[in-house]
Amino acid sequence: MSLRAVDSTVAYEELAPRLAATVEEVTPPGAIVLVVSKGDESLVRFDGRSGWHFPRASTGQYAGHHPIDGKWAVNHLEALRAAGGAYLVLPSTYYWWFEHYPELERHLRSRYDRVESPEEVCRVYRLLALPAAAPRLVPDLPQLDQQRRCLPGIRALLDNLLPDDSGVLVMSEGDDSLLDLGRRAWHFPHGAGGRHVPLEPDGSGRAVSQLRALAGQGSRYLVLPATLFWTLGRRPALRSYLEEDCRRLALRQRICAVYELRSPSRTSTPNPLRPKEAAWK
């Protein structure tokens, strides 16, 4: 059987949310999931699972290179399996690995089960049999810490992008530190009192309705931190509204995305950006 990548692979910008949704569906909470990632942090970010880059350096970061050869890849895989790696995920953009490293493909095919997953997204292999109950929890950098590390970059981007008196909505999970942007900022979603309320798993229609209402009341900008990019992959109505009805002003994969909301009461002429914004393109 040919191991060439399928023609219908998803676009790279859609890969991370699709891959995360797949991994969280087919692996148990607490699992360590190895991902061929080339260092892309968005590919190793999962709810309730610990994502490890493959290859992985002793520091826990991406090793900075592809495997030297197939034998090296097999030995590295077994070392990470011994350290607790329970699953290996090969995104569709890296299906060429199995032709370049045939020893790895043979090793996986002969020793480990392949878990059912969408071929256009990824291939998943079970390396360890984990208990159904009391799964092992793996220490990882908490998402709140990751979000707070993005703050300086978000502040700098907004300062260069927007007028000083422009307030912003910040998509969040309730962390008030994300509002420390040196300008007026509010959680999104929020209740009548302005306090954060959870974004319902299947409630993207309600989120769109609130964004439209806020835009009609004068809110102009929405900030989506990089740690929450995955939320759009699970809320197609919200993603469609932001990408098709609003204006994306900036996208920084490791920082945030910034959208200008559309309001029927506002002139269709886009808000002029600061000259410095060109430096962020």
Protein backbone atom coordinates (compact mmCIF):
# COMPACT_ATOMS: atom_id res chain seq x y z
CA MET A 1 0.00 0.00 0.00
CA SER A 2 1.35 3.42 -0.92
CA LEU A 3 2.19 5.69 1.99
CA ARG A 4 2.19 8.87 -0.01
CA ALA A 5 0.31 11.76 1.57
CA VAL A 6 -3.30 11.92 0.52
CA ASP A 7 -4.28 14.72 -1.83
CA SER A 8 -7.12 15.95 0.38
CA THR A 9 -5.06 17.08 3.38
CA VAL A 10 -6.47 20.03 5.30
CA ALA A 11 -4.90 23.47 4.91
CA TYR A 12 -2.09 24.02 7.41
CA GLU A 13 -3.87 26.88 9.18
CA GLU A 14 -6.78 24.49 9.84
CA LEU A 15 -4.59 21.59 10.92
CA ALA A 16 -4.00 22.43 14.59
CA PRO A 17 -7.66 22.64 15.68
CA ARG A 18 -8.62 19.57 13.61
CA LEU A 19 -5.67 17.61 15.02
CA ALA A 20 -6.46 18.65 18.61
CA ALA A 21 -10.08 17.61 18.22
CA THR A 22 -9.00 14.23 16.83
CA VAL A 23 -6.42 13.58 19.56
CA GLU A 24 -8.87 14.50 22.32
CA GLU A 25 -11.45 12.15 20.82
CA VAL A 26 -9.22 9.07 20.44
CA THR A 27 -6.85 9.33 23.45
CA PRO A 28 -7.67 9.18 27.17
CA PRO A 29 -7.17 12.17 29.50
CA GLY A 30 -3.70 12.28 31.03
CA ALA A 31 -1.96 10.65 28.05
CA ILE A 32 1.40 11.83 26.77
CA VAL A 33 1.01 12.38 23.04
CA LEU A 34 4.07 12.59 20.78
CA VAL A 35 3.53 14.77 17.71
CA VAL A 36 5.70 15.23 14.64
CA SER A 37 5.57 19.02 14.75
CA LYS A 38 8.75 20.73 13.52
CA GLY A 39 8.48 22.84 16.66
CA ASP A 40 4.97 24.23 16.03
CA GLU A 41 3.54 24.71 19.53
CA SER A 42 -0.03 24.81 18.21
CA LEU A 43 0.30 21.13 17.21
CA VAL A 44 1.10 19.95 20.76
CA ARG A 45 -1.61 21.87 22.64
CA PHE A 46 -4.41 19.64 23.92
CA ASP A 47 -7.02 19.70 26.66
CA GLY A 48 -6.19 17.21 29.41
CA ARG A 49 -3.27 15.63 27.53
CA SER A 50 0.42 16.49 27.46
CA GLY A 51 1.76 17.12 23.97
CA TRP A 52 5.43 16.40 23.30
CA HIS A 53 7.34 17.39 20.19
CA PHE A 54 8.89 14.56 18.19
CA PRO A 55 11.86 14.63 18.06
CA ARG A 56 12.22 16.02 21.59
CA ALA A 57 15.33 17.45 23.27
CA SER A 58 16.33 16.57 26.82
CA THR A 59 15.07 20.04 27.86
CA GLY A 60 11.56 19.10 26.75
CA GLN A 61 11.63 21.43 23.76
CA TYR A 62 11.64 20.57 20.07
CA ALA A 63 14.96 18.98 19.15
CA GLY A 64 15.42 21.46 16.31
CA HIS A 65 15.85 18.92 13.52
CA HIS A 66 14.25 15.95 11.79
CA PRO A 67 15.54 12.45 12.66
CA ILE A 68 19.02 11.73 11.36
CA ASP A 69 17.82 8.48 9.81
CA GLY A 70 15.19 5.78 10.27
CA LYS A 71 17.14 3.86 12.90
CA TRP A 72 17.60 7.02 14.95
CA ALA A 73 13.86 7.74 14.69
CA VAL A 74 12.98 4.25 15.98
CA ASN A 75 15.44 4.48 18.89
CA HIS A 76 14.16 7.96 19.81
CA LEU A 77 10.56 6.77 19.66
CA GLU A 78 11.31 3.88 22.02
CA ALA A 79 13.16 6.18 24.42
CA LEU A 80 10.17 8.52 24.59
CA ARG A 81 7.82 5.56 24.95
CA ALA A 82 9.89 4.37 27.94
CA ALA A 83 9.50 7.88 29.38
CA GLY A 84 5.70 7.61 29.15
CA GLY A 85 4.86 8.50 25.56
CA ALA A 86 1.55 6.70 24.94
CA TYR A 87 0.63 7.84 21.42
CA LEU A 88 2.43 9.02 18.30
CA VAL A 89 0.63 11.44 15.98
CA LEU A 90 1.80 12.01 12.41
CA PRO A 91 0.03 15.06 10.91
CA SER A 92 -0.96 14.77 7.27
CA THR A 93 1.69 17.35 6.30
CA TYR A 94 4.36 14.86 7.40
CA TYR A 95 3.19 11.66 5.70
CA TRP A 96 6.37 11.87 3.64
CA TRP A 97 8.22 10.71 6.77
CA PHE A 98 7.23 7.11 6.12
CA GLU A 99 8.91 7.16 2.73
CA HIS A 100 11.97 8.98 4.06
CA TYR A 101 12.19 6.83 7.22
CA PRO A 102 10.90 3.37 6.16
CA GLU A 103 12.36 1.76 9.29
CA LEU A 104 10.03 3.89 11.41
CA GLU A 105 7.00 2.94 9.31
CA ARG A 106 7.83 -0.78 9.55
CA HIS A 107 8.44 -0.50 13.29
CA LEU A 108 5.09 1.15 13.91
CA ARG A 109 3.16 -1.17 11.60
CA SER A 110 4.63 -4.34 13.13
CA ARG A 111 4.51 -3.40 16.81
CA TYR A 112 1.74 -0.90 17.49
CA ASP A 113 -1.95 -0.46 16.76
CA ARG A 114 -3.09 2.34 14.52
CA VAL A 115 -6.02 4.23 16.01
CA GLU A 116 -8.84 5.23 13.68
CA SER A 117 -8.53 8.90 12.71
CA PRO A 118 -9.36 11.14 9.71
CA GLU A 119 -6.74 10.42 7.04
CA GLU A 120 -6.78 14.03 5.84
CA VAL A 121 -5.80 15.17 9.34
CA CYS A 122 -3.36 12.70 10.89
CA ARG A 123 -2.39 9.12 11.70
CA VAL A 124 -2.36 8.03 15.33
CA TYR A 125 -0.49 5.05 16.82
CA ARG A 126 -1.02 3.62 20.30
CA LEU A 127 2.35 2.98 21.95
CA LEU A 128 1.14 2.13 25.45
CA ALA A 129 -2.06 0.62 26.82
CA LEU A 130 -3.31 3.12 29.40
CA PRO A 131 -5.81 2.23 32.14
CA ALA A 132 -9.34 3.43 31.56
CA ALA A 133 -9.57 4.68 35.14
CA ALA A 134 -7.26 6.97 37.09
CA PRO A 135 -5.17 8.04 34.09
CA ARG A 136 -1.68 9.28 34.74
CA LEU A 137 -1.51 13.06 34.93
CA VAL A 138 1.56 14.60 33.34
CA PRO A 139 3.04 17.89 34.57
CA ASP A 140 2.86 20.52 31.86
CA LEU A 141 3.08 24.28 31.58
CA PRO A 142 -0.40 25.45 32.62
CA GLN A 143 -2.38 27.25 29.94
CA LEU A 144 -2.73 30.30 32.18
CA ASP A 145 1.06 30.61 32.35
CA GLN A 146 1.27 30.30 28.57
CA GLN A 147 -1.35 33.03 28.18
CA ARG A 148 0.47 35.37 30.54
CA ARG A 149 3.72 34.84 28.66
CA CYS A 150 1.93 36.15 25.55
CA LEU A 151 0.92 39.40 27.28
CA PRO A 152 4.00 41.52 26.38
CA GLY A 153 3.63 40.54 22.73
CA ILE A 154 -0.11 41.29 22.75
CA ARG A 155 0.47 44.71 24.34
CA ALA A 156 3.18 45.59 21.83
CA LEU A 157 1.05 44.48 18.89
CA LEU A 158 -1.99 46.46 20.03
CA ASP A 159 0.10 49.56 20.77
CA ASN A 160 1.45 49.47 17.23
CA LEU A 161 -1.86 48.54 15.64
CA LEU A 162 -4.64 50.48 17.35
CA PRO A 163 -5.25 54.04 18.59
CA ASP A 164 -4.42 54.48 22.28
CA ASP A 165 -8.05 55.17 23.21
CA SER A 166 -9.41 52.02 21.55
CA GLY A 167 -10.75 49.42 23.94
CA VAL A 168 -10.74 45.71 23.12
CA LEU A 169 -12.68 42.55 23.85
CA VAL A 170 -10.44 39.64 24.84
CA MET A 171 -11.57 36.06 24.30
CA SER A 172 -10.62 34.34 27.52
CA GLU A 173 -11.46 31.68 30.04
CA GLY A 174 -11.76 34.19 32.87
CA ASP A 175 -8.11 35.08 33.58
CA ASP A 176 -8.20 38.77 34.56
CA SER A 177 -4.47 39.17 33.83
CA LEU A 178 -5.33 39.01 30.11
CA LEU A 179 -7.07 42.36 30.50
CA ASP A 180 -3.84 44.04 31.63
CA LEU A 181 -3.16 45.51 28.20
CA GLY A 182 -2.60 49.18 29.02
CA ARG A 183 -6.01 50.09 27.58
CA ARG A 184 -9.68 49.41 28.28
CA ALA A 185 -10.37 45.70 27.96
CA TRP A 186 -13.25 43.33 28.69
CA HIS A 187 -13.63 39.58 28.78
CA PHE A 188 -15.47 37.88 25.96
CA PRO A 189 -17.92 36.33 26.50
CA HIS A 190 -19.23 38.27 29.50
CA GLY A 191 -22.49 38.60 31.37
CA ALA A 192 -24.64 41.61 32.12
CA GLY A 193 -22.27 42.74 34.86
CA GLY A 194 -19.22 42.52 32.61
CA ARG A 195 -17.85 39.42 34.33
CA HIS A 196 -16.58 36.49 32.28
CA VAL A 197 -18.99 33.69 31.43
CA PRO A 198 -17.90 30.38 29.82
CA LEU A 199 -18.17 29.97 26.07
CA GLU A 200 -20.54 27.05 25.63
CA PRO A 201 -19.04 24.08 23.73
CA ASP A 202 -21.79 24.16 21.10
CA GLY A 203 -22.87 27.75 21.64
CA SER A 204 -20.96 29.52 18.87
CA GLY A 205 -24.27 30.92 17.56
CA ARG A 206 -24.84 32.63 20.89
CA ALA A 207 -21.28 33.97 20.86
CA VAL A 208 -21.82 35.44 17.39
CA SER A 209 -25.04 37.08 18.56
CA GLN A 210 -23.27 38.69 21.50
CA LEU A 211 -20.39 39.90 19.33
CA ARG A 212 -22.84 41.49 16.91
CA ALA A 213 -24.69 43.14 19.80
CA LEU A 214 -21.44 44.46 21.31
CA ALA A 215 -20.32 45.75 17.92
CA GLY A 216 -23.63 47.60 17.63
CA GLN A 217 -22.97 49.14 21.05
CA GLY A 218 -19.56 50.44 20.00
CA SER A 219 -17.11 47.60 20.67
CA ARG A 220 -14.74 47.50 17.73
CA TYR A 221 -11.91 45.02 18.30
CA LEU A 222 -11.57 41.41 19.47
CA VAL A 223 -8.29 39.87 20.61
CA LEU A 224 -7.92 36.07 20.39
CA PRO A 225 -4.83 34.88 22.35
CA ALA A 226 -2.76 32.18 20.62
CA THR A 227 -3.50 29.72 23.42
CA LEU A 228 -7.18 29.82 22.44
CA PHE A 229 -6.86 29.50 18.66
CA TRP A 230 -8.17 25.95 19.01
CA THR A 231 -11.58 27.26 20.13
CA LEU A 232 -12.46 28.40 16.60
CA GLY A 233 -11.91 24.90 15.24
CA ARG A 234 -14.73 23.66 17.47
CA ARG A 235 -17.08 26.58 16.88
CA PRO A 236 -17.59 26.86 13.11
CA ALA A 237 -20.25 29.59 13.34
CA LEU A 238 -17.94 31.83 15.36
CA ARG A 239 -15.01 31.14 13.06
CA SER A 240 -17.11 31.86 9.97
CA TYR A 241 -18.32 35.14 11.45
CA LEU A 242 -14.81 36.34 12.31
CA GLU A 243 -13.20 35.23 9.05
CA GLU A 244 -15.99 36.23 6.65
CA ASP A 245 -17.91 39.08 8.29
CA CYS A 246 -15.13 40.79 10.22
CA ARG A 247 -11.73 42.18 9.27
CA ARG A 248 -8.66 40.38 10.57
CA LEU A 249 -6.08 43.05 11.32
CA ALA A 250 -3.23 40.80 12.45
CA LEU A 251 -2.34 37.14 13.01
CA ARG A 252 0.73 36.21 15.05
CA GLN A 253 0.84 32.44 15.51
CA ARG A 254 2.58 32.59 18.91
CA ILE A 255 0.87 35.76 20.20
CA CYS A 256 -2.69 36.47 19.11
CA ALA A 257 -5.11 37.39 16.34
CA VAL A 258 -6.85 40.77 16.22
CA TYR A 259 -10.21 41.29 14.51
CA GLU A 260 -12.15 44.44 13.71
CA LEU A 261 -15.83 43.74 14.28
CA ARG A 262 -18.44 44.76 11.74
CA SER A 263 -21.38 46.88 12.87
CA PRO A 264 -24.37 47.88 10.70
CA SER A 265 -24.29 51.35 12.27
CA ARG A 266 -20.63 51.89 11.41
CA THR A 267 -19.37 53.21 8.11
CA SER A 268 -18.03 50.52 5.82
CA THR A 269 -14.71 52.37 5.55
CA PRO A 270 -12.14 50.38 7.57
CA ASN A 271 -10.51 52.10 10.51
CA PRO A 272 -7.11 53.43 9.40
CA LEU A 273 -4.23 51.60 11.05
CA ARG A 274 -1.16 53.18 12.53
CA PRO A 275 1.83 53.46 10.19
CA LYS A 276 3.84 51.18 12.45
CA GLU A 277 1.42 48.35 11.73
CA ALA A 278 3.30 47.67 8.52
CA ALA A 279 6.18 46.40 10.61
CA TRP A 280 3.91 43.61 11.95
CA LYS A 281 2.69 42.37 8.58
